[in-house]
Amino acid sequence: MDRRTTLRAGLEVLVWWAVLGALWLVFISTVDTLELVVGASVALLGAVAAWGARRAVSGR
């Protein structure tokens, strides 16, 4: 992977993470530190999985 591809992949994961994190915040009732840490961690895991799934489907 060259620098441009790495930057693009990082940006895609960041966008997925932001969308999934916002979705997590919509569905929880109280926002405390533990919920933010868990939500951010799970959203990051989901973002990496979504990026990998998209790459697998597109054949890249």
PDB file of N, CA and C in Angstrom:
ATOM      1  N   MET A   1       0.835  -1.185   0.000  1.00  0.00           N
ATOM      2  CA  MET A   1       0.000   0.000   0.000  1.00  0.00           C
ATOM      3  C   MET A   1       0.876   1.244   0.000  1.00  0.00           C
ATOM      4  N   ASP A   2       0.541   2.166  -0.863  1.00  0.00           N
ATOM      5  CA  ASP A   2       1.285   3.415  -0.874  1.00  0.00           C
ATOM      6  C   ASP A   2       0.649   4.413   0.090  1.00  0.00           C
ATOM      7  N   ARG A   3       1.223   5.576   0.158  1.00  0.00           N
ATOM      8  CA  ARG A   3       0.773   6.579   1.142  1.00  0.00           C
ATOM      9  C   ARG A   3      -0.665   7.030   0.891  1.00  0.00           C
ATOM     10  N   ARG A   4      -1.022   7.208  -0.356  1.00  0.00           N
ATOM     11  CA  ARG A   4      -2.375   7.661  -0.688  1.00  0.00           C
ATOM     12  C   ARG A   4      -3.418   6.613  -0.307  1.00  0.00           C
ATOM     13  N   THR A   5      -3.129   5.351  -0.579  1.00  0.00           N
ATOM     14  CA  THR A   5      -4.049   4.270  -0.230  1.00  0.00           C
ATOM     15  C   THR A   5      -4.196   4.154   1.277  1.00  0.00           C
ATOM     16  N   THR A   6      -3.102   4.312   1.999  1.00  0.00           N
ATOM     17  CA  THR A   6      -3.146   4.252   3.455  1.00  0.00           C
ATOM     18  C   THR A   6      -3.967   5.397   4.021  1.00  0.00           C
ATOM     19  N   LEU A   7      -3.799   6.592   3.493  1.00  0.00           N
ATOM     20  CA  LEU A   7      -4.566   7.750   3.940  1.00  0.00           C
ATOM     21  C   LEU A   7      -6.052   7.559   3.655  1.00  0.00           C
ATOM     22  N   ARG A   8      -6.363   7.048   2.482  1.00  0.00           N
ATOM     23  CA  ARG A   8      -7.755   6.809   2.113  1.00  0.00           C
ATOM     24  C   ARG A   8      -8.400   5.758   3.021  1.00  0.00           C
ATOM     25  N   ALA A   9      -7.673   4.695   3.315  1.00  0.00           N
ATOM     26  CA  ALA A   9      -8.191   3.648   4.210  1.00  0.00           C
ATOM     27  C   ALA A   9      -8.397   4.203   5.614  1.00  0.00           C
ATOM     28  N   GLY A  10      -7.461   4.995   6.098  1.00  0.00           N
ATOM     29  CA  GLY A  10      -7.600   5.606   7.412  1.00  0.00           C
ATOM     30  C   GLY A  10      -8.784   6.543   7.483  1.00  0.00           C
ATOM     31  N   LEU A  11      -9.004   7.308   6.433  1.00  0.00           N
ATOM     32  CA  LEU A  11     -10.148   8.214   6.379  1.00  0.00           C
ATOM     33  C   LEU A  11     -11.459   7.434   6.361  1.00  0.00           C
ATOM     34  N   GLU A  12     -11.488   6.340   5.618  1.00  0.00           N
ATOM     35  CA  GLU A  12     -12.695   5.520   5.569  1.00  0.00           C
ATOM     36  C   GLU A  12     -13.014   4.917   6.933  1.00  0.00           C
ATOM     37  N   VAL A  13     -12.001   4.410   7.623  1.00  0.00           N
ATOM     38  CA  VAL A  13     -12.215   3.857   8.960  1.00  0.00           C
ATOM     39  C   VAL A  13     -12.669   4.956   9.915  1.00  0.00           C
ATOM     40  N   LEU A  14     -12.109   6.139   9.805  1.00  0.00           N
ATOM     41  CA  LEU A  14     -12.509   7.260  10.656  1.00  0.00           C
ATOM     42  C   LEU A  14     -13.977   7.639  10.438  1.00  0.00           C
ATOM     43  N   VAL A  15     -14.418   7.661   9.192  1.00  0.00           N
ATOM     44  CA  VAL A  15     -15.816   7.983   8.898  1.00  0.00           C
ATOM     45  C   VAL A  15     -16.738   6.901   9.445  1.00  0.00           C
ATOM     46  N   TRP A  16     -16.394   5.646   9.232  1.00  0.00           N
ATOM     47  CA  TRP A  16     -17.191   4.545   9.786  1.00  0.00           C
ATOM     48  C   TRP A  16     -17.252   4.651  11.305  1.00  0.00           C
ATOM     49  N   TRP A  17     -16.126   4.936  11.930  1.00  0.00           N
ATOM     50  CA  TRP A  17     -16.068   5.039  13.392  1.00  0.00           C
ATOM     51  C   TRP A  17     -16.979   6.163  13.894  1.00  0.00           C
ATOM     52  N   ALA A  18     -16.963   7.294  13.216  1.00  0.00           N
ATOM     53  CA  ALA A  18     -17.802   8.421  13.624  1.00  0.00           C
ATOM     54  C   ALA A  18     -19.287   8.090  13.475  1.00  0.00           C
ATOM     55  N   VAL A  19     -19.652   7.456  12.384  1.00  0.00           N
ATOM     56  CA  VAL A  19     -21.057   7.112  12.157  1.00  0.00           C
ATOM     57  C   VAL A  19     -21.517   6.075  13.176  1.00  0.00           C
ATOM     58  N   LEU A  20     -20.731   5.031  13.383  1.00  0.00           N
ATOM     59  CA  LEU A  20     -21.120   3.996  14.336  1.00  0.00           C
ATOM     60  C   LEU A  20     -21.111   4.518  15.770  1.00  0.00           C
ATOM     61  N   GLY A  21     -20.171   5.396  16.103  1.00  0.00           N
ATOM     62  CA  GLY A  21     -20.150   6.000  17.433  1.00  0.00           C
ATOM     63  C   GLY A  21     -21.362   6.879  17.678  1.00  0.00           C
ATOM     64  N   ALA A  22     -21.760   7.647  16.682  1.00  0.00           N
ATOM     65  CA  ALA A  22     -22.953   8.489  16.816  1.00  0.00           C
ATOM     66  C   ALA A  22     -24.205   7.630  16.959  1.00  0.00           C
ATOM     67  N   LEU A  23     -24.262   6.547  16.213  1.00  0.00           N
ATOM     68  CA  LEU A  23     -25.394   5.635  16.326  1.00  0.00           C
ATOM     69  C   LEU A  23     -25.465   5.014  17.715  1.00  0.00           C
ATOM     70  N   TRP A  24     -24.316   4.664  18.267  1.00  0.00           N
ATOM     71  CA  TRP A  24     -24.263   4.116  19.628  1.00  0.00           C
ATOM     72  C   TRP A  24     -24.810   5.129  20.632  1.00  0.00           C
ATOM     73  N   LEU A  25     -24.396   6.373  20.507  1.00  0.00           N
ATOM     74  CA  LEU A  25     -24.855   7.405  21.433  1.00  0.00           C
ATOM     75  C   LEU A  25     -26.357   7.645  21.336  1.00  0.00           C
ATOM     76  N   VAL A  26     -26.933   7.451  20.169  1.00  0.00           N
ATOM     77  CA  VAL A  26     -28.371   7.636  20.005  1.00  0.00           C
ATOM     78  C   VAL A  26     -29.137   6.567  20.782  1.00  0.00           C
ATOM     79  N   PHE A  27     -28.604   5.357  20.840  1.00  0.00           N
ATOM     80  CA  PHE A  27     -29.341   4.243  21.425  1.00  0.00           C
ATOM     81  C   PHE A  27     -29.112   4.034  22.919  1.00  0.00           C
ATOM     82  N   ILE A  28     -28.162   4.725  23.548  1.00  0.00           N
ATOM     83  CA  ILE A  28     -27.977   4.542  24.987  1.00  0.00           C
ATOM     84  C   ILE A  28     -28.765   5.612  25.732  1.00  0.00           C
ATOM     85  N   SER A  29     -29.139   5.293  26.972  1.00  0.00           N
ATOM     86  CA  SER A  29     -29.971   6.232  27.723  1.00  0.00           C
ATOM     87  C   SER A  29     -29.138   7.245  28.508  1.00  0.00           C
ATOM     88  N   THR A  30     -28.049   6.796  29.125  1.00  0.00           N
ATOM     89  CA  THR A  30     -27.189   7.716  29.875  1.00  0.00           C
ATOM     90  C   THR A  30     -25.793   7.687  29.287  1.00  0.00           C
ATOM     91  N   VAL A  31     -25.164   8.829  29.258  1.00  0.00           N
ATOM     92  CA  VAL A  31     -23.812   8.919  28.712  1.00  0.00           C
ATOM     93  C   VAL A  31     -22.852   9.175  29.864  1.00  0.00           C
ATOM     94  N   ASP A  32     -22.086   8.161  30.226  1.00  0.00           N
ATOM     95  CA  ASP A  32     -21.046   8.338  31.225  1.00  0.00           C
ATOM     96  C   ASP A  32     -19.725   7.860  30.619  1.00  0.00           C
ATOM     97  N   THR A  33     -18.673   7.925  31.367  1.00  0.00           N
ATOM     98  CA  THR A  33     -17.340   7.625  30.851  1.00  0.00           C
ATOM     99  C   THR A  33     -17.227   6.191  30.346  1.00  0.00           C
ATOM    100  N   LEU A  34     -17.746   5.247  31.108  1.00  0.00           N
ATOM    101  CA  LEU A  34     -17.673   3.843  30.699  1.00  0.00           C
ATOM    102  C   LEU A  34     -18.418   3.617  29.387  1.00  0.00           C
ATOM    103  N   GLU A  35     -19.593   4.201  29.245  1.00  0.00           N
ATOM    104  CA  GLU A  35     -20.354   4.059  28.004  1.00  0.00           C
ATOM    105  C   GLU A  35     -19.597   4.652  26.815  1.00  0.00           C
ATOM    106  N   LEU A  36     -18.934   5.777  27.024  1.00  0.00           N
ATOM    107  CA  LEU A  36     -18.154   6.374  25.932  1.00  0.00           C
ATOM    108  C   LEU A  36     -16.984   5.499  25.528  1.00  0.00           C
ATOM    109  N   VAL A  37     -16.290   4.928  26.502  1.00  0.00           N
ATOM    110  CA  VAL A  37     -15.145   4.058  26.206  1.00  0.00           C
ATOM    111  C   VAL A  37     -15.605   2.800  25.472  1.00  0.00           C
ATOM    112  N   VAL A  38     -16.652   2.172  25.984  1.00  0.00           N
ATOM    113  CA  VAL A  38     -17.174   0.961  25.335  1.00  0.00           C
ATOM    114  C   VAL A  38     -17.699   1.280  23.946  1.00  0.00           C
ATOM    115  N   GLY A  39     -18.446   2.355  23.817  1.00  0.00           N
ATOM    116  CA  GLY A  39     -18.990   2.735  22.517  1.00  0.00           C
ATOM    117  C   GLY A  39     -17.908   3.042  21.499  1.00  0.00           C
ATOM    118  N   ALA A  40     -16.889   3.769  21.912  1.00  0.00           N
ATOM    119  CA  ALA A  40     -15.792   4.095  20.995  1.00  0.00           C
ATOM    120  C   ALA A  40     -15.032   2.845  20.578  1.00  0.00           C
ATOM    121  N   SER A  41     -14.829   1.930  21.518  1.00  0.00           N
ATOM    122  CA  SER A  41     -14.105   0.694  21.215  1.00  0.00           C
ATOM    123  C   SER A  41     -14.887  -0.193  20.253  1.00  0.00           C
ATOM    124  N   VAL A  42     -16.161  -0.370  20.531  1.00  0.00           N
ATOM    125  CA  VAL A  42     -16.997  -1.211  19.671  1.00  0.00           C
ATOM    126  C   VAL A  42     -17.182  -0.562  18.299  1.00  0.00           C
ATOM    127  N   ALA A  43     -17.316   0.742  18.261  1.00  0.00           N
ATOM    128  CA  ALA A  43     -17.448   1.441  16.978  1.00  0.00           C
ATOM    129  C   ALA A  43     -16.169   1.299  16.156  1.00  0.00           C
ATOM    130  N   LEU A  44     -15.010   1.352  16.803  1.00  0.00           N
ATOM    131  CA  LEU A  44     -13.752   1.167  16.077  1.00  0.00           C
ATOM    132  C   LEU A  44     -13.644  -0.252  15.527  1.00  0.00           C
ATOM    133  N   LEU A  45     -14.023  -1.229  16.316  1.00  0.00           N
ATOM    134  CA  LEU A  45     -14.015  -2.617  15.862  1.00  0.00           C
ATOM    135  C   LEU A  45     -14.954  -2.791  14.666  1.00  0.00           C
ATOM    136  N   GLY A  46     -16.142  -2.221  14.753  1.00  0.00           N
ATOM    137  CA  GLY A  46     -17.092  -2.288  13.648  1.00  0.00           C
ATOM    138  C   GLY A  46     -16.596  -1.555  12.415  1.00  0.00           C
ATOM    139  N   ALA A  47     -15.907  -0.439  12.613  1.00  0.00           N
ATOM    140  CA  ALA A  47     -15.374   0.330  11.484  1.00  0.00           C
ATOM    141  C   ALA A  47     -14.308  -0.453  10.731  1.00  0.00           C
ATOM    142  N   VAL A  48     -13.430  -1.108  11.471  1.00  0.00           N
ATOM    143  CA  VAL A  48     -12.381  -1.912  10.828  1.00  0.00           C
ATOM    144  C   VAL A  48     -13.005  -3.104  10.107  1.00  0.00           C
ATOM    145  N   ALA A  49     -14.021  -3.720  10.719  1.00  0.00           N
ATOM    146  CA  ALA A  49     -14.709  -4.839  10.079  1.00  0.00           C
ATOM    147  C   ALA A  49     -15.428  -4.391   8.807  1.00  0.00           C
ATOM    148  N   ALA A  50     -16.076  -3.228   8.836  1.00  0.00           N
ATOM    149  CA  ALA A  50     -16.769  -2.713   7.657  1.00  0.00           C
ATOM    150  C   ALA A  50     -15.783  -2.392   6.541  1.00  0.00           C
ATOM    151  N   TRP A  51     -14.650  -1.816   6.907  1.00  0.00           N
ATOM    152  CA  TRP A  51     -13.625  -1.514   5.908  1.00  0.00           C
ATOM    153  C   TRP A  51     -13.097  -2.805   5.279  1.00  0.00           C
ATOM    154  N   GLY A  52     -12.826  -3.801   6.101  1.00  0.00           N
ATOM    155  CA  GLY A  52     -12.336  -5.079   5.586  1.00  0.00           C
ATOM    156  C   GLY A  52     -13.362  -5.791   4.721  1.00  0.00           C
ATOM    157  N   ALA A  53     -14.626  -5.733   5.129  1.00  0.00           N
ATOM    158  CA  ALA A  53     -15.690  -6.361   4.333  1.00  0.00           C
ATOM    159  C   ALA A  53     -15.838  -5.676   2.984  1.00  0.00           C
ATOM    160  N   ARG A  54     -15.752  -4.345   2.979  1.00  0.00           N
ATOM    161  CA  ARG A  54     -15.857  -3.625   1.709  1.00  0.00           C
ATOM    162  C   ARG A  54     -14.711  -3.960   0.778  1.00  0.00           C
ATOM    163  N   ARG A  55     -13.518  -4.084   1.354  1.00  0.00           N
ATOM    164  CA  ARG A  55     -12.350  -4.466   0.538  1.00  0.00           C
ATOM    165  C   ARG A  55     -12.503  -5.872  -0.013  1.00  0.00           C
ATOM    166  N   ALA A  56     -13.038  -6.789   0.794  1.00  0.00           N
ATOM    167  CA  ALA A  56     -13.209  -8.169   0.346  1.00  0.00           C
ATOM    168  C   ALA A  56     -14.238  -8.257  -0.785  1.00  0.00           C
ATOM    169  N   VAL A  57     -15.307  -7.482  -0.666  1.00  0.00           N
ATOM    170  CA  VAL A  57     -16.351  -7.524  -1.688  1.00  0.00           C
ATOM    171  C   VAL A  57     -15.884  -6.877  -2.983  1.00  0.00           C
ATOM    172  N   SER A  58     -15.116  -5.794  -2.866  1.00  0.00           N
ATOM    173  CA  SER A  58     -14.655  -5.096  -4.065  1.00  0.00           C
ATOM    174  C   SER A  58     -13.476  -5.780  -4.730  1.00  0.00           C
ATOM    175  N   GLY A  59     -12.846  -6.727  -4.043  1.00  0.00           N
ATOM    176  CA  GLY A  59     -11.740  -7.479  -4.642  1.00  0.00           C
ATOM    177  C   GLY A  59     -10.408  -6.754  -4.628  1.00  0.00           C
ATOM    178  N   ARG A  60     -10.237  -5.795  -3.748  1.00  0.00           N
ATOM    179  CA  ARG A  60      -8.980  -5.045  -3.685  1.00  0.00           C
ATOM    180  C   ARG A  60      -8.048  -5.600  -2.664  1.00  0.00           C
TER     181      ARG A  60
END
